[in-house]
Amino acid sequence: MHGLSRAEIVEALLSYLVENADARDTLEGIVEWWLLDRTIRHDTAEVKRVLDDLVAKELILERKTGDGRIHYCVNPRKQKEIRALLKRGMSGQTEE
């Protein structure tokens, strides 16, 4: 997870308090629950974008299950390509 900037912390705290007007907590509780929740939600959105990119490149496959959730797995036909990408370092590779 990444660290939040001062502006992001201000926005996160104020947004949380507007959404949860009765909220009260300690410094530790605010960091653990309020800010961590926002960071996780942001990170979840970023992970979804990365998954979408990897699916579009057919490096991973997505399958909808009976309960409507999507499961992801490696595309066995692309394992050689994936290993080559990992070997040379993938930073920036999924943003083409």
C-alpha atoms as a PDB file:
ATOM      1  CA  MET A   1       0.000   0.000   0.000  1.00  0.00           C
ATOM      2  CA  HIS A   2       1.120   3.515  -0.608  1.00  0.00           C
ATOM      3  CA  GLY A   3       1.328   6.354   1.910  1.00  0.00           C
ATOM      4  CA  LEU A   4      -1.262   9.090   1.798  1.00  0.00           C
ATOM      5  CA  SER A   5      -0.285  12.708   1.219  1.00  0.00           C
ATOM      6  CA  ARG A   6      -1.379  15.374   3.702  1.00  0.00           C
ATOM      7  CA  ALA A   7      -4.140  16.497   1.304  1.00  0.00           C
ATOM      8  CA  GLU A   8      -5.368  12.903   0.936  1.00  0.00           C
ATOM      9  CA  ILE A   9      -5.448  12.499   4.725  1.00  0.00           C
ATOM     10  CA  VAL A  10      -7.465  15.717   5.116  1.00  0.00           C
ATOM     11  CA  GLU A  11      -9.900  14.556   2.428  1.00  0.00           C
ATOM     12  CA  ALA A  12     -10.149  11.058   3.915  1.00  0.00           C
ATOM     13  CA  LEU A  13     -10.810  12.301   7.448  1.00  0.00           C
ATOM     14  CA  LEU A  14     -13.392  14.873   6.414  1.00  0.00           C
ATOM     15  CA  SER A  15     -15.117  12.471   4.018  1.00  0.00           C
ATOM     16  CA  TYR A  16     -15.273   9.798   6.691  1.00  0.00           C
ATOM     17  CA  LEU A  17     -16.740  12.206   9.224  1.00  0.00           C
ATOM     18  CA  VAL A  18     -19.339  13.503   6.770  1.00  0.00           C
ATOM     19  CA  GLU A  19     -20.383   9.914   5.963  1.00  0.00           C
ATOM     20  CA  ASN A  20     -20.263   8.863   9.643  1.00  0.00           C
ATOM     21  CA  ALA A  21     -21.357  11.933  11.601  1.00  0.00           C
ATOM     22  CA  ASP A  22     -21.430  10.067  14.932  1.00  0.00           C
ATOM     23  CA  ALA A  23     -17.915   8.630  14.513  1.00  0.00           C
ATOM     24  CA  ARG A  24     -15.401   9.062  17.325  1.00  0.00           C
ATOM     25  CA  ASP A  25     -12.089   7.303  17.688  1.00  0.00           C
ATOM     26  CA  THR A  26      -8.520   7.496  18.943  1.00  0.00           C
ATOM     27  CA  LEU A  27      -5.552   8.365  16.762  1.00  0.00           C
ATOM     28  CA  GLU A  28      -4.756   4.649  16.482  1.00  0.00           C
ATOM     29  CA  GLY A  29      -8.355   3.804  15.576  1.00  0.00           C
ATOM     30  CA  ILE A  30      -8.495   6.552  12.978  1.00  0.00           C
ATOM     31  CA  VAL A  31      -5.297   5.341  11.315  1.00  0.00           C
ATOM     32  CA  GLU A  32      -6.256   1.677  11.504  1.00  0.00           C
ATOM     33  CA  TRP A  33      -9.918   1.881  10.538  1.00  0.00           C
ATOM     34  CA  TRP A  34     -10.708   5.166   8.834  1.00  0.00           C
ATOM     35  CA  LEU A  35      -7.599   5.670   6.733  1.00  0.00           C
ATOM     36  CA  LEU A  36      -6.859   2.003   6.148  1.00  0.00           C
ATOM     37  CA  ASP A  37     -10.409   1.551   4.832  1.00  0.00           C
ATOM     38  CA  ARG A  38      -9.942   4.376   2.339  1.00  0.00           C
ATOM     39  CA  THR A  39      -6.528   3.067   1.267  1.00  0.00           C
ATOM     40  CA  ILE A  40      -7.911  -0.431   0.786  1.00  0.00           C
ATOM     41  CA  ARG A  41     -10.793   0.905  -1.310  1.00  0.00           C
ATOM     42  CA  HIS A  42      -8.350   2.891  -3.471  1.00  0.00           C
ATOM     43  CA  ASP A  43      -5.999  -0.066  -3.778  1.00  0.00           C
ATOM     44  CA  THR A  44      -8.915  -2.352  -4.670  1.00  0.00           C
ATOM     45  CA  ALA A  45      -9.868  -0.039  -7.549  1.00  0.00           C
ATOM     46  CA  GLU A  46      -6.254  -0.013  -8.762  1.00  0.00           C
ATOM     47  CA  VAL A  47      -6.011  -3.819  -8.548  1.00  0.00           C
ATOM     48  CA  LYS A  48      -9.216  -4.063 -10.618  1.00  0.00           C
ATOM     49  CA  ARG A  49      -7.708  -1.808 -13.305  1.00  0.00           C
ATOM     50  CA  VAL A  50      -4.551  -3.955 -13.392  1.00  0.00           C
ATOM     51  CA  LEU A  51      -6.615  -7.152 -13.598  1.00  0.00           C
ATOM     52  CA  ASP A  52      -8.615  -5.675 -16.486  1.00  0.00           C
ATOM     53  CA  ASP A  53      -5.350  -4.852 -18.298  1.00  0.00           C
ATOM     54  CA  LEU A  54      -3.950  -8.354 -17.733  1.00  0.00           C
ATOM     55  CA  VAL A  55      -7.193  -9.947 -18.938  1.00  0.00           C
ATOM     56  CA  ALA A  56      -7.164  -7.718 -22.040  1.00  0.00           C
ATOM     57  CA  LYS A  57      -3.626  -8.955 -22.772  1.00  0.00           C
ATOM     58  CA  GLU A  58      -4.842 -12.519 -22.156  1.00  0.00           C
ATOM     59  CA  LEU A  59      -2.125 -13.087 -19.551  1.00  0.00           C
ATOM     60  CA  ILE A  60      -4.780 -14.049 -17.043  1.00  0.00           C
ATOM     61  CA  LEU A  61      -8.291 -15.381 -17.534  1.00  0.00           C
ATOM     62  CA  GLU A  62     -11.483 -14.410 -15.773  1.00  0.00           C
ATOM     63  CA  ARG A  63     -14.369 -16.752 -15.178  1.00  0.00           C
ATOM     64  CA  LYS A  64     -17.732 -15.897 -13.673  1.00  0.00           C
ATOM     65  CA  THR A  65     -18.863 -18.504 -11.166  1.00  0.00           C
ATOM     66  CA  GLY A  66     -22.344 -19.590 -10.195  1.00  0.00           C
ATOM     67  CA  ASP A  67     -22.486 -17.040  -7.400  1.00  0.00           C
ATOM     68  CA  GLY A  68     -21.826 -14.231  -9.891  1.00  0.00           C
ATOM     69  CA  ARG A  69     -18.317 -13.474  -8.655  1.00  0.00           C
ATOM     70  CA  ILE A  70     -15.366 -13.397 -11.018  1.00  0.00           C
ATOM     71  CA  HIS A  71     -12.354 -15.604 -10.398  1.00  0.00           C
ATOM     72  CA  TYR A  72      -8.983 -14.942 -12.014  1.00  0.00           C
ATOM     73  CA  CYS A  73      -6.283 -17.421 -12.975  1.00  0.00           C
ATOM     74  CA  VAL A  74      -3.191 -17.632 -15.128  1.00  0.00           C
ATOM     75  CA  ASN A  75      -3.671 -18.320 -18.813  1.00  0.00           C
ATOM     76  CA  PRO A  76      -1.732 -21.579 -19.227  1.00  0.00           C
ATOM     77  CA  ARG A  77      -1.010 -20.758 -22.872  1.00  0.00           C
ATOM     78  CA  LYS A  78       0.750 -17.545 -21.792  1.00  0.00           C
ATOM     79  CA  GLN A  79       2.972 -18.921 -19.026  1.00  0.00           C
ATOM     80  CA  LYS A  80       6.121 -18.714 -21.136  1.00  0.00           C
ATOM     81  CA  GLU A  81       5.366 -15.076 -21.988  1.00  0.00           C
ATOM     82  CA  ILE A  82       4.573 -14.289 -18.343  1.00  0.00           C
ATOM     83  CA  ARG A  83       7.846 -15.853 -17.160  1.00  0.00           C
ATOM     84  CA  ALA A  84       9.754 -13.756 -19.718  1.00  0.00           C
ATOM     85  CA  LEU A  85       7.995 -10.583 -18.532  1.00  0.00           C
ATOM     86  CA  LEU A  86       8.766 -11.389 -14.905  1.00  0.00           C
ATOM     87  CA  LYS A  87      12.379 -12.182 -15.693  1.00  0.00           C
ATOM     88  CA  ARG A  88      13.035  -8.824 -17.330  1.00  0.00           C
ATOM     89  CA  GLY A  89      10.835  -6.847 -14.916  1.00  0.00           C
ATOM     90  CA  MET A  90       7.288  -5.777 -15.673  1.00  0.00           C
ATOM     91  CA  SER A  91       7.119  -2.247 -14.268  1.00  0.00           C
ATOM     92  CA  GLY A  92       5.042  -0.233 -16.683  1.00  0.00           C
ATOM     93  CA  GLN A  93       4.277  -3.228 -18.910  1.00  0.00           C
ATOM     94  CA  THR A  94       0.545  -3.265 -18.122  1.00  0.00           C
ATOM     95  CA  GLU A  95      -0.027   0.378 -19.022  1.00  0.00           C
ATOM     96  CA  GLU A  96       0.525   0.092 -22.768  1.00  0.00           C
END
